Protein backbone atom coordinates (compact mmCIF):
# COMPACT_ATOMS: atom_id res chain seq x y z
CA MET A 1 22.57 122.29 85.42
CA VAL A 2 26.21 123.53 84.26
CA GLU A 3 28.22 121.85 81.82
CA ALA A 4 28.98 118.24 82.35
CA GLY A 5 32.92 118.31 83.51
CA ALA A 6 33.56 121.17 83.65
CA TRP A 7 34.20 121.78 87.43
CA ARG A 8 37.93 120.60 86.22
CA HIS A 9 39.60 123.08 84.56
CA ALA A 10 39.56 125.74 87.52
CA PRO A 11 40.76 124.56 91.35
CA VAL A 12 38.08 123.49 93.28
CA LEU A 13 38.08 124.80 97.09
CA VAL A 14 37.11 121.76 99.94
CA CYS A 15 35.61 123.87 103.00
CA GLY A 16 35.74 121.32 105.90
CA ALA A 17 38.50 119.51 104.72
CA SER A 18 39.47 118.01 107.07
CA SER A 19 36.17 116.52 108.10
CA GLN A 20 35.37 113.03 107.86
CA ILE A 21 33.83 113.30 104.49
CA GLY A 22 36.74 115.43 103.20
CA TRP A 23 40.01 112.69 104.36
CA PHE A 24 38.04 110.55 101.75
CA LEU A 25 37.51 113.69 98.49
CA LEU A 26 40.72 115.14 99.16
CA PRO A 27 42.74 111.22 97.55
CA GLN A 28 39.99 110.77 94.49
CA LEU A 29 40.72 115.05 94.20
CA VAL A 30 44.08 114.78 93.86
CA ALA A 31 43.67 111.15 91.77
CA ALA A 32 41.83 113.36 89.01
CA LYS A 33 45.03 115.61 89.16
CA LEU A 34 43.31 118.74 89.94
CA GLU A 35 44.18 121.74 91.74
CA VAL A 36 42.79 121.56 94.85
CA LEU A 37 42.54 124.63 97.46
CA ALA A 38 41.67 123.25 100.87
CA LEU A 39 39.99 124.64 103.62
CA SER A 40 40.61 124.74 107.63
CA ARG A 41 40.91 126.33 110.26
CA ARG A 42 43.69 124.04 111.95
CA PRO A 43 47.51 123.25 110.59
CA GLN A 44 46.66 120.28 108.91
CA PRO A 45 49.36 117.41 107.69
CA GLU A 46 50.65 118.35 104.58
CA ILE A 47 49.54 116.27 101.35
CA ALA A 48 50.86 116.06 97.61
CA GLY A 49 49.09 117.93 95.60
CA VAL A 50 46.73 119.34 98.35
CA ALA A 51 47.36 123.31 99.15
CA TRP A 52 46.00 123.61 102.95
CA LEU A 53 45.10 127.10 103.35
CA HIS A 54 43.95 128.01 107.34
CA GLY A 55 40.63 129.86 107.30
CA ALA A 56 37.15 129.61 107.49
CA LEU A 57 34.03 131.38 106.05
CA PRO A 58 32.54 133.24 105.51
CA VAL A 59 36.17 135.34 105.69
CA PRO A 60 38.28 132.95 104.12
CA PRO A 61 41.64 133.88 103.45
CA PRO A 62 42.62 135.54 99.72
CA ARG A 63 43.90 132.39 97.14
CA VAL A 64 40.16 130.58 97.89
CA GLU A 65 38.52 133.59 95.45
CA GLU A 66 40.38 131.48 91.98
CA ALA A 67 38.30 128.67 92.76
CA GLY A 68 35.97 127.37 90.45
CA SER A 69 33.37 124.92 92.05
CA ALA A 70 32.99 124.49 95.72
CA CYS A 71 32.84 121.64 98.34
CA SER A 72 31.71 122.46 101.37
CA PHE A 73 30.94 120.29 104.45
CA ALA A 74 30.96 123.61 106.99
CA PRO A 75 28.28 125.39 108.33
CA LEU A 76 25.98 126.18 105.57
CA ASP A 77 25.00 129.88 106.42
CA ALA A 78 28.65 130.54 106.93
CA LEU A 79 29.04 129.86 103.15
CA ALA A 80 25.52 131.53 101.63
CA ALA A 81 27.03 134.24 103.96
CA TRP A 82 30.96 134.45 101.50
CA ILE A 83 28.51 133.01 98.65
CA ASP A 84 26.37 136.59 98.03
CA ALA A 85 29.09 138.96 99.28
CA GLY A 86 29.94 138.26 96.03
CA ALA A 87 33.15 136.21 96.80
CA ALA A 88 35.27 134.42 94.29
CA PRO A 89 34.04 135.82 91.01
CA ARG A 90 34.96 132.50 89.08
CA LEU A 91 32.82 130.07 91.26
CA ARG A 92 30.28 128.53 89.15
CA GLN A 93 29.45 124.96 90.80
CA VAL A 94 28.58 124.13 95.16
CA VAL A 95 27.80 121.29 96.05
CA ALA A 96 27.28 121.37 99.86
CA THR A 97 26.42 118.68 102.76
CA SER A 98 23.72 119.55 104.83
CA SER A 99 21.76 116.36 106.90
CA MET A 100 18.50 113.92 106.90
CA SER A 101 18.03 116.08 110.35
CA ALA A 102 16.39 118.93 108.51
CA GLU A 103 13.76 116.50 108.37
CA SER A 104 14.28 113.68 110.86
CA LYS A 105 14.43 116.30 113.68
CA GLN A 106 11.69 119.17 112.72
CA ALA A 107 8.45 117.07 114.28
CA SER A 108 10.77 116.33 117.34
CA PRO A 109 9.39 116.36 120.75
CA VAL A 110 12.92 117.68 121.81
CA ALA A 111 13.35 121.93 122.00
CA ALA A 112 16.86 121.62 120.57
CA ASP A 113 15.96 118.88 118.12
CA ARG A 114 13.43 121.33 116.32
CA GLU A 115 16.16 123.69 116.62
CA ILE A 116 18.39 121.64 114.73
CA SER A 117 16.13 121.28 111.49
CA GLN A 118 15.29 124.63 111.57
CA ARG A 119 19.21 125.99 111.81
CA LEU A 120 19.79 123.21 108.54
CA ARG A 121 15.97 124.09 106.81
CA GLU A 122 17.13 127.62 107.09
CA GLY A 123 20.93 127.03 106.02
CA GLU A 124 19.36 125.32 102.70
CA ALA A 125 16.97 128.01 102.02
CA GLY A 126 19.91 130.52 102.38
CA LEU A 127 22.28 128.43 100.29
CA MET A 128 20.18 128.07 97.20
CA ARG A 129 18.75 132.17 97.47
CA ALA A 130 22.79 132.66 97.51
CA CYS A 131 23.58 130.66 94.82
CA GLU A 132 20.85 131.56 92.17
CA ARG A 133 21.14 135.05 92.69
CA ARG A 134 24.42 134.68 91.36
CA GLY A 135 24.03 131.76 88.28
CA ILE A 136 26.14 129.35 90.31
CA ALA A 137 24.83 125.79 90.13
CA TRP A 138 24.13 124.35 93.85
CA THR A 139 23.50 120.76 95.06
CA ILE A 140 22.70 119.64 98.35
CA LEU A 141 23.37 116.48 99.76
CA ARG A 142 21.17 115.67 102.76
CA PRO A 143 23.36 112.15 104.60
CA THR A 144 22.21 109.98 107.31
CA LEU A 145 24.42 109.42 109.77
CA ILE A 146 28.05 109.46 109.23
CA TYR A 147 30.82 106.54 109.50
CA GLY A 148 34.09 105.18 108.03
CA ALA A 149 36.66 107.55 109.29
CA GLY A 150 36.62 107.43 112.94
CA ARG A 151 35.88 111.20 112.99
CA ASP A 152 32.09 111.33 114.09
CA ARG A 153 30.51 112.67 117.39
CA SER A 154 27.98 109.26 117.22
CA LEU A 155 28.83 105.98 116.39
CA THR A 156 32.74 106.40 116.99
CA PRO A 157 32.28 107.84 120.59
CA LEU A 158 29.93 104.44 121.39
CA ALA A 159 33.49 102.74 120.12
CA ARG A 160 35.98 103.85 121.41
CA ARG A 161 34.17 103.54 125.09
CA GLY A 162 33.09 100.01 124.14
CA MET A 163 36.83 99.45 123.71
CA ARG A 164 38.51 101.27 126.82
CA TRP A 165 36.09 100.06 129.20
CA ARG A 166 35.57 96.89 127.53
CA VAL A 167 31.43 96.86 128.32
CA PHE A 168 29.40 97.62 125.04
CA GLY A 169 25.90 98.88 125.87
CA LEU A 170 23.36 97.48 123.96
CA PRO A 171 19.70 99.61 123.90
CA ALA A 172 17.05 98.22 122.41
CA GLY A 173 15.78 99.82 119.37
CA ARG A 174 13.30 98.54 116.99
CA GLY A 175 13.40 102.62 114.90
CA LEU A 176 15.45 101.78 110.71
CA ARG A 177 18.87 103.12 110.23
CA GLN A 178 21.00 104.27 107.61
CA PRO A 179 24.62 104.58 108.34
CA VAL A 180 26.41 105.89 105.14
CA HIS A 181 29.97 105.75 104.74
CA ALA A 182 31.90 109.11 104.48
CA ALA A 183 33.72 107.76 101.42
CA ASP A 184 30.24 107.10 99.61
CA ILE A 185 29.31 111.05 100.26
CA ALA A 186 32.58 111.80 98.57
CA GLN A 187 32.20 109.62 95.35
CA ALA A 188 28.30 111.44 95.35
CA VAL A 189 30.34 114.93 95.96
CA VAL A 190 32.34 114.15 93.10
CA ARG A 191 29.91 112.58 90.16
CA ALA A 192 27.69 115.92 91.00
CA LEU A 193 29.89 118.04 90.28
CA ASP A 194 30.90 116.06 87.21
CA THR A 195 27.26 115.68 85.55
CA GLY A 196 26.63 119.07 86.11
CA VAL A 197 23.27 118.17 88.00
CA SER A 198 21.99 121.20 89.44
CA GLY A 199 19.21 122.31 92.18
CA ARG A 200 18.74 119.80 93.94
CA VAL A 201 18.62 118.11 97.20
CA ILE A 202 19.50 114.69 97.35
CA PRO A 203 19.28 112.20 100.09
CA ILE A 204 22.28 109.73 100.65
CA GLY A 205 22.02 106.94 103.19
CA GLY A 206 24.02 104.05 103.43
CA GLY A 207 22.79 100.53 101.56
CA GLU A 208 21.25 98.80 103.88
CA ARG A 209 18.01 100.10 106.59
CA LEU A 210 18.57 97.86 109.47
CA PRO A 211 16.78 98.27 113.48
CA ALA A 212 18.51 100.49 116.33
CA ALA A 213 19.40 97.39 117.67
CA GLU A 214 21.37 95.49 115.34
CA MET A 215 23.50 98.44 113.95
CA PHE A 216 24.89 98.82 117.55
CA ALA A 217 25.86 95.39 117.55
CA ARG A 218 27.39 95.12 114.32
CA VAL A 219 29.39 98.04 115.92
CA ARG A 220 30.65 96.00 118.84
CA ALA A 221 31.27 93.17 116.62
CA SER A 222 33.72 94.96 114.97
CA LEU A 223 35.49 96.02 117.28
CA PRO A 224 39.03 94.67 117.97
CA VAL A 225 39.34 93.52 121.68
CA HIS A 226 36.20 91.54 123.07
CA THR A 227 33.81 93.59 124.80
CA LEU A 228 30.92 92.16 127.74
CA PRO A 229 27.72 93.48 126.04
CA LEU A 230 25.12 95.00 127.53
CA PRO A 231 21.63 94.93 127.14
CA VAL A 232 19.63 97.81 127.96
CA PRO A 233 16.33 96.96 127.63
CA ALA A 234 13.42 99.72 127.20
CA PRO A 235 11.64 100.47 129.56
CA VAL A 236 15.33 100.84 131.39
CA VAL A 237 15.62 102.84 127.65
CA ARG A 238 12.29 104.84 128.39
CA LEU A 239 13.72 105.56 131.58
CA GLY A 240 16.85 107.19 130.80
CA ALA A 241 14.60 109.77 127.92
CA ARG A 242 12.48 111.04 130.90
CA LEU A 243 15.41 111.42 133.45
CA LEU A 244 18.36 112.53 131.06
CA PRO A 245 18.09 115.17 129.60
CA SER A 246 21.20 115.57 127.32
CA LEU A 247 20.31 112.21 125.97
CA ARG A 248 15.87 113.00 125.90
CA GLY A 249 16.45 113.46 121.76
CA PRO A 250 18.86 110.27 120.74
CA LEU A 251 17.04 107.85 123.10
CA SER A 252 13.72 109.31 122.31
CA ARG A 253 14.14 108.66 118.69
CA LEU A 254 15.59 104.39 119.49
CA GLU A 255 11.94 103.43 118.34
CA GLN A 256 11.38 106.42 114.74
CA ASP A 257 12.52 105.33 111.44
CA LEU A 258 15.58 107.36 110.65
CA VAL A 259 16.10 106.57 106.87
CA ALA A 260 16.52 108.44 102.97
CA ASP A 261 15.34 107.17 99.50
CA ASN A 262 18.24 106.86 97.79
CA GLY A 263 16.58 107.01 94.65
CA GLU A 264 17.41 110.34 93.53
CA LEU A 265 21.06 109.24 94.70
CA GLU A 266 20.93 106.13 92.66
CA ARG A 267 19.04 107.75 89.39
CA LEU A 268 20.76 110.76 88.80
CA LEU A 269 24.03 110.16 90.57
CA GLY A 270 24.64 106.51 89.66
CA VAL A 271 26.60 106.53 93.35
CA HIS A 272 25.47 103.08 95.14
CA PRO A 273 26.00 103.45 99.53
CA ARG A 274 27.59 100.39 101.01
CA ALA A 275 26.20 98.12 103.20
CA PHE A 276 26.55 98.49 106.80
CA ARG A 277 29.61 96.52 107.23
CA PRO A 278 31.90 97.91 109.93
CA ASP A 279 35.80 97.17 110.77
CA ALA A 280 38.14 98.33 113.26
CA ASP A 281 39.47 100.83 111.21
CA CYS A 282 35.94 103.15 110.88
CA TRP A 283 36.75 103.92 114.27
CA ARG A 284 40.91 104.52 114.81
């Protein structure tokens, strides 16, 4: 554990700053009057109080060496390689995101899913080792399904297809889902830095668990245009999982619970994520 609030005395580096979590995190850091170094592969619009740096881990531009703390939404293996290389000599604290897929896809019948799980778990372990070798405090957050900034690759594409085609598929699915808003993850990142909690892998899900079918129905209800509901019954879902290799993983998980225990999140960080009540702004 590091001293609570110690991270505020040196620049904070945000890796993957143009991601959906970064979208909500940067304003919080600026409002706290912190020096923010934001790393992105592509040029970004200027934000008052944010110094954009063009590049990526593990070989970022030189100015990242000033950082005393890092928030990372980039690949874990790249972050670990950068730390292992001895970069950023003032670095004392790291908060990074992984995914609950590290756990939920571990025993998947789909080989590609198992590979994702293994890659995530290896990335987590590599980051832990790299930080511990250098005496850097670390915290890893494992979010469930992320939404909120129109930048995710799961619910937002469904919402946009529905708005474009005016038809919204509603697959049957009793497996529980726990979508988490990107702003709540950003809050958890700040709290992890502020409290000095370290050496923890903390799950983070939304404030509500609901069946997959209900999740899709709420996405449809949030759209700013009328769409025709297109129910997809369970036998059709099962047939699609057999016939469509690219959809086999997502369709086969519709009866599986993909949730997180927020106990540590609430106890250690004091974060209580919102229920799943999306609106049209979530998909823009």
